[in-house]
């Protein structure tokens, strides 16, 4: 059974949903983990932690339940505009698939339309869908680019992600201030002048 927090009837709905059967299974596993790691797993503060953890993980990994292509298609419009469209500073919260620790930062996404545009919020939602999966930053960058490229068929797509990884900050090398940057470009953005314009625009403060 799914519990929906949104009754919107549109083609694409932003829904927070919890599968009761999955919650029950996850809760049992988290209870067992706490019993292994914690001296007093039954104390008051931890009593409901397995249930909270189960719901939290379903929420954090909800991207598997949504098709990002449908998000873009739900707001595609014919438009004779062939200049750069940039949505920058999109907040990202994802989970590293190697240690299941968070990484977070910002994504900057641009495309040059070729007959079709999409709603600006849809770009941010596509980023969210791929981020809410077990990820590596390199794949996340590629998936965002390919989804936009294959769905809108624009003249070019550019994606840059800057993120901090807790698997580097909390464990491992424990480097607190390191930032990982990944990028991917296609089409018109493979031209140096176009790519440089994109980098300049995402780096500048136009306010």
Protein backbone atom coordinates (compact mmCIF):
# COMPACT_ATOMS: atom_id res chain seq x y z
CA UNK A 1 0.00 0.00 0.00
CA UNK A 2 1.26 3.48 -0.84
CA UNK A 3 0.58 6.57 1.24
CA UNK A 4 0.45 9.63 -1.00
CA UNK A 5 1.03 13.11 0.36
CA UNK A 6 -0.18 14.77 -2.84
CA UNK A 7 -3.61 14.52 -4.50
CA UNK A 8 -2.66 16.40 -7.66
CA UNK A 9 -4.28 14.81 -10.73
CA UNK A 10 -1.72 16.03 -13.30
CA UNK A 11 0.36 13.67 -15.45
CA UNK A 12 3.35 14.07 -13.17
CA UNK A 13 2.91 14.26 -9.42
CA UNK A 14 5.49 14.88 -6.76
CA UNK A 15 4.60 12.14 -4.31
CA UNK A 16 6.13 11.00 -1.08
CA UNK A 17 5.07 7.38 -0.79
CA UNK A 18 5.74 4.63 1.66
CA UNK A 19 5.21 0.97 0.95
CA UNK A 20 4.04 -0.57 4.25
CA UNK A 21 5.39 -4.01 3.38
CA UNK A 22 8.84 -2.61 2.58
CA UNK A 23 8.79 -0.50 5.73
CA UNK A 24 8.09 -3.62 7.81
CA UNK A 25 10.95 -5.57 6.20
CA UNK A 26 13.41 -2.69 6.48
CA UNK A 27 12.43 -2.08 10.09
CA UNK A 28 13.35 -5.65 10.98
CA UNK A 29 16.76 -5.33 9.35
CA UNK A 30 17.55 -2.03 11.05
CA UNK A 31 16.49 -3.46 14.41
CA UNK A 32 18.95 -6.31 13.90
CA UNK A 33 21.72 -3.86 12.97
CA UNK A 34 21.17 -1.80 16.11
CA UNK A 35 21.23 -4.95 18.23
CA UNK A 36 24.68 -5.73 16.82
CA UNK A 37 26.15 -2.21 17.13
CA UNK A 38 24.51 -0.62 20.20
CA UNK A 39 24.89 -1.60 23.85
CA UNK A 40 21.28 -0.77 24.75
CA UNK A 41 19.16 -0.87 21.55
CA UNK A 42 15.88 -1.02 23.48
CA UNK A 43 16.23 2.25 25.37
CA UNK A 44 13.57 4.91 24.84
CA UNK A 45 15.48 7.03 22.34
CA UNK A 46 16.13 4.05 20.06
CA UNK A 47 12.80 2.28 20.45
CA UNK A 48 11.30 3.73 17.25
CA UNK A 49 14.57 4.31 15.42
CA UNK A 50 14.27 1.22 13.14
CA UNK A 51 10.88 2.46 11.92
CA UNK A 52 12.18 5.98 11.39
CA UNK A 53 15.22 4.66 9.53
CA UNK A 54 13.04 2.53 7.27
CA UNK A 55 10.88 5.51 6.31
CA UNK A 56 13.93 7.71 5.91
CA UNK A 57 15.63 5.33 3.48
CA UNK A 58 12.47 4.93 1.41
CA UNK A 59 12.28 8.71 1.15
CA UNK A 60 15.97 9.17 0.34
CA UNK A 61 15.86 6.50 -2.38
CA UNK A 62 12.47 7.36 -3.85
CA UNK A 63 14.06 8.17 -7.23
CA UNK A 64 13.71 4.54 -8.28
CA UNK A 65 9.93 4.98 -8.31
CA UNK A 66 9.83 7.89 -10.78
CA UNK A 67 10.52 8.12 -14.52
CA UNK A 68 12.50 11.32 -15.23
CA UNK A 69 11.57 11.17 -18.92
CA UNK A 70 7.91 11.53 -18.01
CA UNK A 71 8.75 14.57 -15.90
CA UNK A 72 10.22 16.35 -18.92
CA UNK A 73 7.42 15.20 -21.24
CA UNK A 74 4.78 16.51 -18.85
CA UNK A 75 5.82 20.07 -19.69
CA UNK A 76 7.23 20.03 -23.24
CA UNK A 77 6.30 22.99 -25.42
CA UNK A 78 7.09 23.91 -29.00
CA UNK A 79 9.13 27.08 -29.00
CA UNK A 80 11.42 28.65 -31.59
CA UNK A 81 14.15 29.56 -29.11
CA UNK A 82 17.72 28.47 -29.78
CA UNK A 83 19.74 30.20 -27.10
CA UNK A 84 21.18 28.76 -23.90
CA UNK A 85 18.78 27.90 -21.06
CA UNK A 86 20.52 27.49 -17.70
CA UNK A 87 19.16 26.31 -14.36
CA UNK A 88 22.01 26.69 -11.90
CA UNK A 89 22.57 26.09 -8.19
CA UNK A 90 20.14 23.15 -8.03
CA UNK A 91 20.59 21.62 -4.59
CA UNK A 92 21.56 17.95 -4.61
CA UNK A 93 21.28 15.41 -1.81
CA UNK A 94 22.27 11.89 -2.76
CA UNK A 95 23.64 8.66 -1.27
CA UNK A 96 27.02 7.21 -2.21
CA UNK A 97 26.48 3.61 -3.27
CA UNK A 98 29.85 2.50 -1.89
CA UNK A 99 29.29 3.40 1.77
CA UNK A 100 25.66 4.60 1.77
CA UNK A 101 26.74 7.94 3.17
CA UNK A 102 25.37 11.22 1.82
CA UNK A 103 26.98 13.51 -0.70
CA UNK A 104 25.52 16.92 -1.34
CA UNK A 105 26.12 20.06 -3.35
CA UNK A 106 24.84 21.85 -6.43
CA UNK A 107 24.10 21.00 -10.04
CA UNK A 108 24.23 23.43 -12.95
CA UNK A 109 22.30 22.32 -16.03
CA UNK A 110 21.99 23.97 -19.43
CA UNK A 111 20.53 23.07 -22.79
CA UNK A 112 20.06 24.78 -26.15
CA UNK A 113 16.54 24.06 -27.45
CA UNK A 114 15.92 22.65 -30.89
CA UNK A 115 12.18 23.16 -31.30
CA UNK A 116 11.10 22.19 -27.79
CA UNK A 117 11.57 23.62 -24.32
CA UNK A 118 10.52 22.22 -20.96
CA UNK A 119 9.34 23.80 -17.72
CA UNK A 120 12.28 25.08 -15.71
CA UNK A 121 11.17 23.25 -12.56
CA UNK A 122 11.23 19.99 -14.51
CA UNK A 123 15.00 20.27 -14.92
CA UNK A 124 15.39 20.50 -11.15
CA UNK A 125 13.03 17.57 -10.65
CA UNK A 126 15.00 15.41 -13.07
CA UNK A 127 18.11 16.16 -11.02
CA UNK A 128 16.24 15.13 -7.87
CA UNK A 129 15.01 11.84 -9.35
CA UNK A 130 18.50 10.67 -10.28
CA UNK A 131 19.98 12.01 -7.03
CA UNK A 132 17.44 10.07 -4.92
CA UNK A 133 19.08 6.79 -5.87
CA UNK A 134 22.25 5.05 -4.77
CA UNK A 135 24.79 6.92 -6.86
CA UNK A 136 28.30 7.91 -7.74
CA UNK A 137 28.70 11.52 -8.79
CA UNK A 138 30.12 10.60 -12.18
CA UNK A 139 27.08 8.50 -13.13
CA UNK A 140 24.67 11.08 -11.75
CA UNK A 141 26.19 13.73 -14.03
CA UNK A 142 25.93 11.45 -17.07
CA UNK A 143 22.34 10.35 -16.37
CA UNK A 144 21.05 13.92 -16.08
CA UNK A 145 22.72 14.86 -19.36
CA UNK A 146 21.48 11.79 -21.24
CA UNK A 147 17.89 12.14 -20.00
CA UNK A 148 17.63 15.72 -21.23
CA UNK A 149 19.47 14.95 -24.47
CA UNK A 150 17.35 11.93 -25.38
CA UNK A 151 14.00 13.46 -24.39
CA UNK A 152 14.19 17.06 -25.63
CA UNK A 153 16.69 16.35 -28.45
CA UNK A 154 18.26 19.79 -28.02
CA UNK A 155 21.26 21.23 -29.84
CA UNK A 156 23.36 20.55 -26.77
CA UNK A 157 23.32 19.79 -23.05
CA UNK A 158 25.78 20.71 -20.28
CA UNK A 159 25.85 19.45 -16.71
CA UNK A 160 28.28 20.39 -13.95
CA UNK A 161 28.01 19.05 -10.38
CA UNK A 162 29.99 20.25 -7.36
CA UNK A 163 29.60 18.13 -4.24
CA UNK A 164 31.01 17.24 -0.85
CA UNK A 165 31.14 13.57 0.10
CA UNK A 166 30.75 12.45 3.70
CA UNK A 167 32.55 9.21 2.86
CA UNK A 168 35.65 11.41 2.44
CA UNK A 169 34.90 13.78 5.32
CA UNK A 170 33.65 11.43 8.07
CA UNK A 171 35.77 8.36 7.28
CA UNK A 172 38.55 7.35 4.89
CA UNK A 173 40.96 10.24 4.27
CA UNK A 174 38.80 12.62 6.39
CA UNK A 175 39.44 15.68 4.23
CA UNK A 176 36.87 18.19 5.45
CA UNK A 177 37.03 20.83 2.75
CA UNK A 178 37.42 18.85 -0.47
CA UNK A 179 34.90 19.42 -3.25
CA UNK A 180 34.44 17.05 -6.18
CA UNK A 181 33.50 18.55 -9.55
CA UNK A 182 32.20 16.51 -12.48
CA UNK A 183 31.00 17.67 -15.88
CA UNK A 184 29.52 16.31 -19.08
CA UNK A 185 28.80 18.06 -22.36
CA UNK A 186 27.17 17.16 -25.63
CA UNK A 187 26.36 18.80 -28.94
CA UNK A 188 26.93 22.55 -29.12
CA UNK A 189 28.61 22.55 -25.70
CA UNK A 190 31.50 20.57 -27.14
CA UNK A 191 32.53 23.83 -28.82
CA UNK A 192 35.00 25.70 -26.63
CA UNK A 193 33.28 29.11 -26.99
CA UNK A 194 29.85 27.75 -25.99
CA UNK A 195 31.26 25.76 -23.10
CA UNK A 196 33.22 28.80 -21.84
CA UNK A 197 30.06 30.94 -21.96
CA UNK A 198 28.24 28.33 -19.88
CA UNK A 199 31.05 28.15 -17.31
CA UNK A 200 31.18 31.96 -17.11
CA UNK A 201 27.41 32.23 -16.56
CA UNK A 202 27.24 29.60 -13.81
CA UNK A 203 30.22 31.19 -12.09
CA UNK A 204 28.88 34.75 -12.12
CA UNK A 205 26.44 36.49 -9.81
CA UNK A 206 23.98 38.38 -12.02
CA UNK A 207 22.00 39.88 -9.10
